[in-house]
Amino acid sequence: MLAEKYDVFLLDLDGVIYVGNEILPGSSEAVSRLRKMGKQVYFLTNDPRPGIHAKPDECITAGWATANYLTQNSITCVHAVGTEGLKVLISWGLRQL
């Protein structure tokens, strides 16, 4: 079984877990099975939305990755063009410096 070979699974949401607002058949059950096996599951997305049970620290978004990059590289002055959620995450990252 593929799941036995890996400790961590990175799952894209759009097109893998759901399409549009519809959860794909079997995807929720597959995530539950991975968790029961003790696997770490992370969700990658540019467009977070409801549909799968996930803790905030299991979600990796473009905004989170940007904030993390800024923090790790001591970048303190930026002008972000994007959604309000992206701006909030980037602002949060800059405050961590």
C-alpha atoms as a PDB file:
ATOM      1  CA  MET A   1       0.000   0.000   0.000  1.00  0.00           C
ATOM      2  CA  LEU A   2       1.331   3.428  -0.963  1.00  0.00           C
ATOM      3  CA  ALA A   3       0.432   4.961   2.401  1.00  0.00           C
ATOM      4  CA  GLU A   4       2.815   2.614   4.217  1.00  0.00           C
ATOM      5  CA  LYS A   5       5.821   4.023   2.323  1.00  0.00           C
ATOM      6  CA  TYR A   6       5.482   7.654   3.523  1.00  0.00           C
ATOM      7  CA  ASP A   7       5.079   9.513   6.805  1.00  0.00           C
ATOM      8  CA  VAL A   8       3.729  12.807   5.428  1.00  0.00           C
ATOM      9  CA  PHE A   9       1.163  13.464   2.726  1.00  0.00           C
ATOM     10  CA  LEU A  10       0.759  16.827   0.964  1.00  0.00           C
ATOM     11  CA  LEU A  11      -2.651  17.007  -0.664  1.00  0.00           C
ATOM     12  CA  ASP A  12      -3.764  19.752  -3.016  1.00  0.00           C
ATOM     13  CA  LEU A  13      -7.370  20.613  -2.301  1.00  0.00           C
ATOM     14  CA  ASP A  14      -8.756  21.824  -5.637  1.00  0.00           C
ATOM     15  CA  GLY A  15      -9.050  18.893  -7.994  1.00  0.00           C
ATOM     16  CA  VAL A  16      -7.806  16.319  -5.474  1.00  0.00           C
ATOM     17  CA  ILE A  17     -10.091  16.666  -2.448  1.00  0.00           C
ATOM     18  CA  TYR A  18     -12.826  18.730  -4.093  1.00  0.00           C
ATOM     19  CA  VAL A  19     -13.862  20.238  -7.412  1.00  0.00           C
ATOM     20  CA  GLY A  20     -15.691  23.524  -7.066  1.00  0.00           C
ATOM     21  CA  ASN A  21     -17.684  23.179  -3.868  1.00  0.00           C
ATOM     22  CA  GLU A  22     -18.129  19.411  -4.157  1.00  0.00           C
ATOM     23  CA  ILE A  23     -15.977  17.011  -2.154  1.00  0.00           C
ATOM     24  CA  LEU A  24     -14.784  14.215  -4.431  1.00  0.00           C
ATOM     25  CA  PRO A  25     -16.137  10.766  -3.539  1.00  0.00           C
ATOM     26  CA  GLY A  26     -13.830   8.874  -1.184  1.00  0.00           C
ATOM     27  CA  SER A  27     -11.481  11.775  -0.492  1.00  0.00           C
ATOM     28  CA  SER A  28     -12.712  12.433   3.046  1.00  0.00           C
ATOM     29  CA  GLU A  29     -12.502   8.719   3.855  1.00  0.00           C
ATOM     30  CA  ALA A  30      -8.973   8.507   2.440  1.00  0.00           C
ATOM     31  CA  VAL A  31      -7.823  11.413   4.624  1.00  0.00           C
ATOM     32  CA  SER A  32      -9.406   9.769   7.675  1.00  0.00           C
ATOM     33  CA  ARG A  33      -7.638   6.503   6.879  1.00  0.00           C
ATOM     34  CA  LEU A  34      -4.265   8.251   6.576  1.00  0.00           C
ATOM     35  CA  ARG A  35      -4.793   9.941   9.937  1.00  0.00           C
ATOM     36  CA  LYS A  36      -5.776   6.647  11.574  1.00  0.00           C
ATOM     37  CA  MET A  37      -2.494   5.209  10.266  1.00  0.00           C
ATOM     38  CA  GLY A  38      -0.654   7.995  12.120  1.00  0.00           C
ATOM     39  CA  LYS A  39       0.339   9.834   8.947  1.00  0.00           C
ATOM     40  CA  GLN A  40       0.781  13.597   8.905  1.00  0.00           C
ATOM     41  CA  VAL A  41      -1.561  15.220   6.405  1.00  0.00           C
ATOM     42  CA  TYR A  42      -1.169  18.752   5.059  1.00  0.00           C
ATOM     43  CA  PHE A  43      -3.435  20.525   2.606  1.00  0.00           C
ATOM     44  CA  LEU A  44      -2.032  22.809  -0.080  1.00  0.00           C
ATOM     45  CA  THR A  45      -4.288  25.452  -1.542  1.00  0.00           C
ATOM     46  CA  ASN A  46      -4.453  28.885  -3.084  1.00  0.00           C
ATOM     47  CA  ASP A  47      -8.153  29.088  -2.267  1.00  0.00           C
ATOM     48  CA  PRO A  48      -9.018  27.779   1.205  1.00  0.00           C
ATOM     49  CA  ARG A  49     -12.670  26.950   1.718  1.00  0.00           C
ATOM     50  CA  PRO A  50     -14.827  24.720   3.875  1.00  0.00           C
ATOM     51  CA  GLY A  51     -15.221  21.081   2.977  1.00  0.00           C
ATOM     52  CA  ILE A  52     -12.589  18.993   4.704  1.00  0.00           C
ATOM     53  CA  HIS A  53     -11.932  18.767   8.419  1.00  0.00           C
ATOM     54  CA  ALA A  54      -8.483  20.278   8.956  1.00  0.00           C
ATOM     55  CA  LYS A  55      -6.699  22.100  11.724  1.00  0.00           C
ATOM     56  CA  PRO A  56      -5.244  25.489  10.781  1.00  0.00           C
ATOM     57  CA  ASP A  57      -1.693  24.149  11.139  1.00  0.00           C
ATOM     58  CA  GLU A  58      -2.495  21.457   8.540  1.00  0.00           C
ATOM     59  CA  CYS A  59      -3.179  24.047   5.819  1.00  0.00           C
ATOM     60  CA  ILE A  60      -0.442  25.546   3.697  1.00  0.00           C
ATOM     61  CA  THR A  61      -1.603  28.464   1.594  1.00  0.00           C
ATOM     62  CA  ALA A  62       0.196  30.842  -0.728  1.00  0.00           C
ATOM     63  CA  GLY A  63      -0.233  33.535   1.931  1.00  0.00           C
ATOM     64  CA  TRP A  64       1.292  31.364   4.637  1.00  0.00           C
ATOM     65  CA  ALA A  65       4.235  30.429   2.406  1.00  0.00           C
ATOM     66  CA  THR A  66       4.817  34.097   1.552  1.00  0.00           C
ATOM     67  CA  ALA A  67       4.696  35.169   5.205  1.00  0.00           C
ATOM     68  CA  ASN A  68       7.079  32.361   6.124  1.00  0.00           C
ATOM     69  CA  TYR A  69       9.506  33.335   3.348  1.00  0.00           C
ATOM     70  CA  LEU A  70       9.455  37.003   4.387  1.00  0.00           C
ATOM     71  CA  THR A  71      10.093  36.090   8.002  1.00  0.00           C
ATOM     72  CA  GLN A  72      12.953  33.707   7.219  1.00  0.00           C
ATOM     73  CA  ASN A  73      14.624  36.275   4.982  1.00  0.00           C
ATOM     74  CA  SER A  74      14.153  39.268   7.316  1.00  0.00           C
ATOM     75  CA  ILE A  75      12.158  41.188   4.707  1.00  0.00           C
ATOM     76  CA  THR A  76      10.315  43.892   6.612  1.00  0.00           C
ATOM     77  CA  CYS A  77       8.908  46.336   4.053  1.00  0.00           C
ATOM     78  CA  VAL A  78       6.555  45.070   1.343  1.00  0.00           C
ATOM     79  CA  HIS A  79       3.530  46.218  -0.607  1.00  0.00           C
ATOM     80  CA  ALA A  80       1.167  43.285  -1.148  1.00  0.00           C
ATOM     81  CA  VAL A  81      -1.368  43.285  -3.960  1.00  0.00           C
ATOM     82  CA  GLY A  82      -3.960  40.593  -3.387  1.00  0.00           C
ATOM     83  CA  THR A  83      -6.884  39.529  -1.273  1.00  0.00           C
ATOM     84  CA  GLU A  84      -7.412  40.819   2.237  1.00  0.00           C
ATOM     85  CA  GLY A  85      -6.568  37.351   3.584  1.00  0.00           C
ATOM     86  CA  LEU A  86      -3.198  37.434   1.819  1.00  0.00           C
ATOM     87  CA  LYS A  87      -2.466  40.897   3.215  1.00  0.00           C
ATOM     88  CA  VAL A  88      -3.356  39.784   6.747  1.00  0.00           C
ATOM     89  CA  LEU A  89      -1.042  36.776   6.539  1.00  0.00           C
ATOM     90  CA  ILE A  90       1.840  38.829   5.157  1.00  0.00           C
ATOM     91  CA  SER A  91       1.321  41.466   7.843  1.00  0.00           C
ATOM     92  CA  TRP A  92       1.346  38.696  10.469  1.00  0.00           C
ATOM     93  CA  GLY A  93       4.614  37.355   9.038  1.00  0.00           C
ATOM     94  CA  LEU A  94       6.254  40.770   9.180  1.00  0.00           C
ATOM     95  CA  ARG A  95       5.226  41.203  12.838  1.00  0.00           C
ATOM     96  CA  GLN A  96       7.060  37.965  13.668  1.00  0.00           C
ATOM     97  CA  LEU A  97      10.437  39.581  12.821  1.00  0.00           C
END
